[in-house]
Amino acid sequence: LALLGSGKLGDVSKMITQRYPLDRAV
């Protein structure tokens, strides 16, 4: 969590490429 909050790994948020609500889990 400290690493993710520090930015030392770069912008890893860009790894999250798709977002779905729970009812679209399939």
PDB file of all heavy atoms in Angstrom:
ATOM      1  N   LEU A   1       0.826  -1.209   0.000  1.00  0.00           N
ATOM      2  CA  LEU A   1       0.000   0.000   0.000  1.00  0.00           C
ATOM      3  C   LEU A   1       0.863   1.262   0.000  1.00  0.00           C
ATOM      4  O   LEU A   1       0.541   2.249  -0.672  1.00  0.00           O
ATOM      5  CB  LEU A   1      -0.937  -0.006   1.202  1.00  0.00           C
ATOM      6  CG  LEU A   1      -2.068  -1.036   1.138  1.00  0.00           C
ATOM      7  CD1 LEU A   1      -2.764  -1.161   2.487  1.00  0.00           C
ATOM      8  CD2 LEU A   1      -3.075  -0.683   0.052  1.00  0.00           C
ATOM      9  N   ALA A   2       1.960   1.225   0.749  1.00  0.00           N
ATOM     10  CA  ALA A   2       2.864   2.381   0.769  1.00  0.00           C
ATOM     11  C   ALA A   2       3.470   2.618  -0.609  1.00  0.00           C
ATOM     12  O   ALA A   2       3.574   3.769  -1.069  1.00  0.00           O
ATOM     13  CB  ALA A   2       3.960   2.173   1.810  1.00  0.00           C
ATOM     14  N   LEU A   3       3.862   1.545  -1.280  1.00  0.00           N
ATOM     15  CA  LEU A   3       4.409   1.683  -2.631  1.00  0.00           C
ATOM     16  C   LEU A   3       3.383   2.258  -3.593  1.00  0.00           C
ATOM     17  O   LEU A   3       3.682   3.146  -4.394  1.00  0.00           O
ATOM     18  CB  LEU A   3       4.896   0.325  -3.143  1.00  0.00           C
ATOM     19  CG  LEU A   3       6.303  -0.110  -2.762  1.00  0.00           C
ATOM     20  CD1 LEU A   3       6.525  -1.564  -3.168  1.00  0.00           C
ATOM     21  CD2 LEU A   3       7.343   0.783  -3.433  1.00  0.00           C
ATOM     22  N   LEU A   4       2.152   1.741  -3.517  1.00  0.00           N
ATOM     23  CA  LEU A   4       1.107   2.234  -4.407  1.00  0.00           C
ATOM     24  C   LEU A   4       0.813   3.709  -4.153  1.00  0.00           C
ATOM     25  O   LEU A   4       0.533   4.464  -5.082  1.00  0.00           O
ATOM     26  CB  LEU A   4      -0.165   1.407  -4.225  1.00  0.00           C
ATOM     27  CG  LEU A   4      -0.095  -0.030  -4.743  1.00  0.00           C
ATOM     28  CD1 LEU A   4      -1.306  -0.815  -4.274  1.00  0.00           C
ATOM     29  CD2 LEU A   4       0.002  -0.063  -6.269  1.00  0.00           C
ATOM     30  N   GLY A   5       0.890   4.116  -2.894  1.00  0.00           N
ATOM     31  CA  GLY A   5       0.623   5.504  -2.563  1.00  0.00           C
ATOM     32  C   GLY A   5       1.773   6.442  -2.853  1.00  0.00           C
ATOM     33  O   GLY A   5       1.574   7.650  -2.984  1.00  0.00           O
ATOM     34  N   SER A   6       2.987   5.886  -2.966  1.00  0.00           N
ATOM     35  CA  SER A   6       4.184   6.719  -3.131  1.00  0.00           C
ATOM     36  C   SER A   6       4.438   7.163  -4.560  1.00  0.00           C
ATOM     37  O   SER A   6       5.136   8.154  -4.800  1.00  0.00           O
ATOM     38  CB  SER A   6       5.416   5.946  -2.644  1.00  0.00           C
ATOM     39  OG  SER A   6       5.725   4.884  -3.566  1.00  0.00           O
ATOM     40  N   GLY A   7       3.920   6.422  -5.526  1.00  0.00           N
ATOM     41  CA  GLY A   7       4.209   6.727  -6.924  1.00  0.00           C
ATOM     42  C   GLY A   7       5.538   6.185  -7.413  1.00  0.00           C
ATOM     43  O   GLY A   7       5.911   6.403  -8.571  1.00  0.00           O
ATOM     44  N   LYS A   8       6.280   5.460  -6.562  1.00  0.00           N
ATOM     45  CA  LYS A   8       7.596   4.967  -6.953  1.00  0.00           C
ATOM     46  C   LYS A   8       7.537   3.954  -8.096  1.00  0.00           C
ATOM     47  O   LYS A   8       8.524   3.759  -8.803  1.00  0.00           O
ATOM     48  CB  LYS A   8       8.307   4.349  -5.746  1.00  0.00           C
ATOM     49  CG  LYS A   8       8.703   5.357  -4.680  1.00  0.00           C
ATOM     50  CD  LYS A   8       9.388   4.677  -3.497  1.00  0.00           C
ATOM     51  CE  LYS A   8       9.764   5.692  -2.430  1.00  0.00           C
ATOM     52  NZ  LYS A   8      10.411   5.033  -1.246  1.00  0.00           N
ATOM     53  N   LEU A   9       6.391   3.288  -8.246  1.00  0.00           N
ATOM     54  CA  LEU A   9       6.260   2.280  -9.306  1.00  0.00           C
ATOM     55  C   LEU A   9       5.803   2.888 -10.623  1.00  0.00           C
ATOM     56  O   LEU A   9       5.627   2.161 -11.612  1.00  0.00           O
ATOM     57  CB  LEU A   9       5.268   1.192  -8.878  1.00  0.00           C
ATOM     58  CG  LEU A   9       5.621   0.392  -7.633  1.00  0.00           C
ATOM     59  CD1 LEU A   9       4.552  -0.648  -7.356  1.00  0.00           C
ATOM     60  CD2 LEU A   9       6.986  -0.271  -7.780  1.00  0.00           C
ATOM     61  N   GLY A  10       5.618   4.196 -10.650  1.00  0.00           N
ATOM     62  CA  GLY A  10       5.044   4.814 -11.840  1.00  0.00           C
ATOM     63  C   GLY A  10       3.523   4.844 -11.715  1.00  0.00           C
ATOM     64  O   GLY A  10       2.950   4.559 -10.663  1.00  0.00           O
ATOM     65  N   ASP A  11       2.869   5.184 -12.804  1.00  0.00           N
ATOM     66  CA  ASP A  11       1.417   5.319 -12.788  1.00  0.00           C
ATOM     67  C   ASP A  11       0.766   3.965 -13.021  1.00  0.00           C
ATOM     68  O   ASP A  11       0.258   3.668 -14.108  1.00  0.00           O
ATOM     69  CB  ASP A  11       0.960   6.322 -13.844  1.00  0.00           C
ATOM     70  CG  ASP A  11      -0.513   6.683 -13.684  1.00  0.00           C
ATOM     71  OD1 ASP A  11      -1.155   6.143 -12.759  1.00  0.00           O
ATOM     72  OD2 ASP A  11      -1.016   7.492 -14.484  1.00  0.00           O
ATOM     73  N   VAL A  12       0.764   3.123 -11.972  1.00  0.00           N
ATOM     74  CA  VAL A  12       0.199   1.787 -12.117  1.00  0.00           C
ATOM     75  C   VAL A  12      -1.321   1.814 -12.218  1.00  0.00           C
ATOM     76  O   VAL A  12      -1.942   0.808 -12.559  1.00  0.00           O
ATOM     77  CB  VAL A  12       0.644   0.854 -10.970  1.00  0.00           C
ATOM     78  CG1 VAL A  12       2.120   0.570 -11.055  1.00  0.00           C
ATOM     79  CG2 VAL A  12       0.286   1.446  -9.617  1.00  0.00           C
ATOM     80  N   SER A  13      -1.942   2.972 -11.955  1.00  0.00           N
ATOM     81  CA  SER A  13      -3.393   3.059 -12.123  1.00  0.00           C
ATOM     82  C   SER A  13      -3.803   2.804 -13.569  1.00  0.00           C
ATOM     83  O   SER A  13      -4.938   2.388 -13.831  1.00  0.00           O
ATOM     84  CB  SER A  13      -3.908   4.430 -11.671  1.00  0.00           C
ATOM     85  OG  SER A  13      -3.436   5.466 -12.523  1.00  0.00           O
ATOM     86  N   LYS A  14      -2.880   3.031 -14.498  1.00  0.00           N
ATOM     87  CA  LYS A  14      -3.192   2.791 -15.907  1.00  0.00           C
ATOM     88  C   LYS A  14      -3.368   1.305 -16.212  1.00  0.00           C
ATOM     89  O   LYS A  14      -3.870   0.949 -17.283  1.00  0.00           O
ATOM     90  CB  LYS A  14      -2.102   3.387 -16.794  1.00  0.00           C
ATOM     91  CG  LYS A  14      -2.079   4.915 -16.763  1.00  0.00           C
ATOM     92  CD  LYS A  14      -1.008   5.487 -17.662  1.00  0.00           C
ATOM     93  CE  LYS A  14      -1.038   7.015 -17.643  1.00  0.00           C
ATOM     94  NZ  LYS A  14       0.044   7.605 -18.476  1.00  0.00           N
ATOM     95  N   MET A  15      -2.936   0.444 -15.278  1.00  0.00           N
ATOM     96  CA  MET A  15      -3.175  -0.990 -15.451  1.00  0.00           C
ATOM     97  C   MET A  15      -4.657  -1.333 -15.386  1.00  0.00           C
ATOM     98  O   MET A  15      -5.084  -2.361 -15.916  1.00  0.00           O
ATOM     99  CB  MET A  15      -2.431  -1.787 -14.376  1.00  0.00           C
ATOM    100  CG  MET A  15      -0.931  -1.857 -14.580  1.00  0.00           C
ATOM    101  SD  MET A  15      -0.121  -2.715 -13.200  1.00  0.00           S
ATOM    102  CE  MET A  15      -1.054  -4.234 -13.139  1.00  0.00           C
ATOM    103  N   ILE A  16      -5.435  -0.492 -14.717  1.00  0.00           N
ATOM    104  CA  ILE A  16      -6.877  -0.752 -14.594  1.00  0.00           C
ATOM    105  C   ILE A  16      -7.531  -0.275 -15.887  1.00  0.00           C
ATOM    106  O   ILE A  16      -7.830   0.909 -16.052  1.00  0.00           O
ATOM    107  CB  ILE A  16      -7.465  -0.048 -13.359  1.00  0.00           C
ATOM    108  CG1 ILE A  16      -6.736  -0.497 -12.097  1.00  0.00           C
ATOM    109  CG2 ILE A  16      -8.968  -0.335 -13.253  1.00  0.00           C
ATOM    110  CD1 ILE A  16      -7.102   0.286 -10.859  1.00  0.00           C
ATOM    111  N   THR A  17      -7.732  -1.195 -16.792  1.00  0.00           N
ATOM    112  CA  THR A  17      -8.176  -0.847 -18.136  1.00  0.00           C
ATOM    113  C   THR A  17      -9.675  -0.996 -18.349  1.00  0.00           C
ATOM    114  O   THR A  17     -10.216  -0.439 -19.302  1.00  0.00           O
ATOM    115  CB  THR A  17      -7.430  -1.707 -19.168  1.00  0.00           C
ATOM    116  OG1 THR A  17      -7.481  -3.093 -18.767  1.00  0.00           O
ATOM    117  CG2 THR A  17      -5.974  -1.281 -19.281  1.00  0.00           C
ATOM    118  N   GLN A  18     -10.351  -1.753 -17.497  1.00  0.00           N
ATOM    119  CA  GLN A  18     -11.800  -1.933 -17.613  1.00  0.00           C
ATOM    120  C   GLN A  18     -12.435  -1.914 -16.219  1.00  0.00           C
ATOM    121  O   GLN A  18     -11.859  -2.450 -15.272  1.00  0.00           O
ATOM    122  CB  GLN A  18     -12.174  -3.266 -18.312  1.00  0.00           C
ATOM    123  CG  GLN A  18     -11.976  -3.280 -19.815  1.00  0.00           C
ATOM    124  CD  GLN A  18     -10.539  -3.521 -20.226  1.00  0.00           C
ATOM    125  OE1 GLN A  18      -9.735  -4.006 -19.420  1.00  0.00           O
ATOM    126  NE2 GLN A  18     -10.191  -3.198 -21.451  1.00  0.00           N
ATOM    127  N   ARG A  19     -13.631  -1.317 -16.130  1.00  0.00           N
ATOM    128  CA  ARG A  19     -14.368  -1.236 -14.869  1.00  0.00           C
ATOM    129  C   ARG A  19     -15.818  -1.641 -15.135  1.00  0.00           C
ATOM    130  O   ARG A  19     -16.438  -1.148 -16.084  1.00  0.00           O
ATOM    131  CB  ARG A  19     -14.302   0.179 -14.290  1.00  0.00           C
ATOM    132  CG  ARG A  19     -12.864   0.657 -14.053  1.00  0.00           C
ATOM    133  CD  ARG A  19     -12.822   2.135 -13.675  1.00  0.00           C
ATOM    134  NE  ARG A  19     -11.443   2.626 -13.654  1.00  0.00           N
ATOM    135  CZ  ARG A  19     -10.870   3.239 -12.617  1.00  0.00           C
ATOM    136  NH1 ARG A  19     -11.559   3.429 -11.504  1.00  0.00           N
ATOM    137  NH2 ARG A  19      -9.623   3.651 -12.689  1.00  0.00           N
ATOM    138  N   TYR A  20     -16.349  -2.524 -14.284  1.00  0.00           N
ATOM    139  CA  TYR A  20     -17.697  -3.045 -14.480  1.00  0.00           C
ATOM    140  C   TYR A  20     -18.454  -3.004 -13.153  1.00  0.00           C
ATOM    141  O   TYR A  20     -17.884  -3.338 -12.107  1.00  0.00           O
ATOM    142  CB  TYR A  20     -17.667  -4.512 -14.937  1.00  0.00           C
ATOM    143  CG  TYR A  20     -16.812  -4.804 -16.147  1.00  0.00           C
ATOM    144  CD1 TYR A  20     -15.433  -4.969 -16.019  1.00  0.00           C
ATOM    145  CD2 TYR A  20     -17.383  -4.957 -17.406  1.00  0.00           C
ATOM    146  CE1 TYR A  20     -14.644  -5.266 -17.118  1.00  0.00           C
ATOM    147  CE2 TYR A  20     -16.604  -5.264 -18.519  1.00  0.00           C
ATOM    148  CZ  TYR A  20     -15.235  -5.405 -18.363  1.00  0.00           C
ATOM    149  OH  TYR A  20     -14.450  -5.704 -19.455  1.00  0.00           O
ATOM    150  N   PRO A  21     -19.738  -2.656 -13.175  1.00  0.00           N
ATOM    151  CA  PRO A  21     -20.546  -2.833 -11.961  1.00  0.00           C
ATOM    152  C   PRO A  21     -20.744  -4.316 -11.691  1.00  0.00           C
ATOM    153  O   PRO A  21     -20.558  -5.154 -12.581  1.00  0.00           O
ATOM    154  CB  PRO A  21     -21.864  -2.137 -12.315  1.00  0.00           C
ATOM    155  CG  PRO A  21     -21.936  -2.196 -13.806  1.00  0.00           C
ATOM    156  CD  PRO A  21     -20.508  -2.107 -14.302  1.00  0.00           C
ATOM    157  N   LEU A  22     -21.143  -4.623 -10.472  1.00  0.00           N
ATOM    158  CA  LEU A  22     -21.261  -6.024 -10.058  1.00  0.00           C
ATOM    159  C   LEU A  22     -22.219  -6.800 -10.947  1.00  0.00           C
ATOM    160  O   LEU A  22     -21.971  -7.982 -11.244  1.00  0.00           O
ATOM    161  CB  LEU A  22     -21.720  -6.089  -8.595  1.00  0.00           C
ATOM    162  CG  LEU A  22     -21.856  -7.478  -7.968  1.00  0.00           C
ATOM    163  CD1 LEU A  22     -20.520  -8.228  -7.984  1.00  0.00           C
ATOM    164  CD2 LEU A  22     -22.387  -7.361  -6.538  1.00  0.00           C
ATOM    165  N   ASP A  23     -23.309  -6.167 -11.386  1.00  0.00           N
ATOM    166  CA  ASP A  23     -24.297  -6.911 -12.173  1.00  0.00           C
ATOM    167  C   ASP A  23     -23.806  -7.253 -13.580  1.00  0.00           C
ATOM    168  O   ASP A  23     -24.469  -7.979 -14.317  1.00  0.00           O
ATOM    169  CB  ASP A  23     -25.637  -6.167 -12.231  1.00  0.00           C
ATOM    170  CG  ASP A  23     -25.527  -4.786 -12.868  1.00  0.00           C
ATOM    171  OD1 ASP A  23     -24.444  -4.426 -13.377  1.00  0.00           O
ATOM    172  OD2 ASP A  23     -26.540  -4.048 -12.844  1.00  0.00           O
ATOM    173  N   ARG A  24     -22.612  -6.761 -13.960  1.00  0.00           N
ATOM    174  CA  ARG A  24     -22.021  -7.101 -15.257  1.00  0.00           C
ATOM    175  C   ARG A  24     -20.779  -7.979 -15.071  1.00  0.00           C
ATOM    176  O   ARG A  24     -19.886  -7.993 -15.914  1.00  0.00           O
ATOM    177  CB  ARG A  24     -21.664  -5.833 -16.032  1.00  0.00           C
ATOM    178  CG  ARG A  24     -22.890  -5.059 -16.533  1.00  0.00           C
ATOM    179  CD  ARG A  24     -22.510  -3.707 -17.097  1.00  0.00           C
ATOM    180  NE  ARG A  24     -21.476  -3.794 -18.125  1.00  0.00           N
ATOM    181  CZ  ARG A  24     -20.722  -2.757 -18.521  1.00  0.00           C
ATOM    182  NH1 ARG A  24     -20.886  -1.566 -17.960  1.00  0.00           N
ATOM    183  NH2 ARG A  24     -19.808  -2.917 -19.454  1.00  0.00           N
ATOM    184  N   ALA A  25     -20.731  -8.719 -13.967  1.00  0.00           N
ATOM    185  CA  ALA A  25     -19.554  -9.544 -13.684  1.00  0.00           C
ATOM    186  C   ALA A  25     -19.306 -10.589 -14.760  1.00  0.00           C
ATOM    187  O   ALA A  25     -18.155 -10.871 -15.118  1.00  0.00           O
ATOM    188  CB  ALA A  25     -19.698 -10.213 -12.321  1.00  0.00           C
ATOM    189  N   VAL A  26     -20.371 -11.192 -15.296  1.00  0.00           N
ATOM    190  CA  VAL A  26     -20.189 -12.205 -16.347  1.00  0.00           C
ATOM    191  C   VAL A  26     -19.524 -11.584 -17.574  1.00  0.00           C
ATOM    192  O   VAL A  26     -18.607 -12.167 -18.170  1.00  0.00           O
ATOM    193  CB  VAL A  26     -21.533 -12.855 -16.720  1.00  0.00           C
ATOM    194  CG1 VAL A  26     -21.361 -13.796 -17.914  1.00  0.00           C
ATOM    195  CG2 VAL A  26     -22.113 -13.628 -15.538  1.00  0.00           C
TER     196      VAL A  26
END
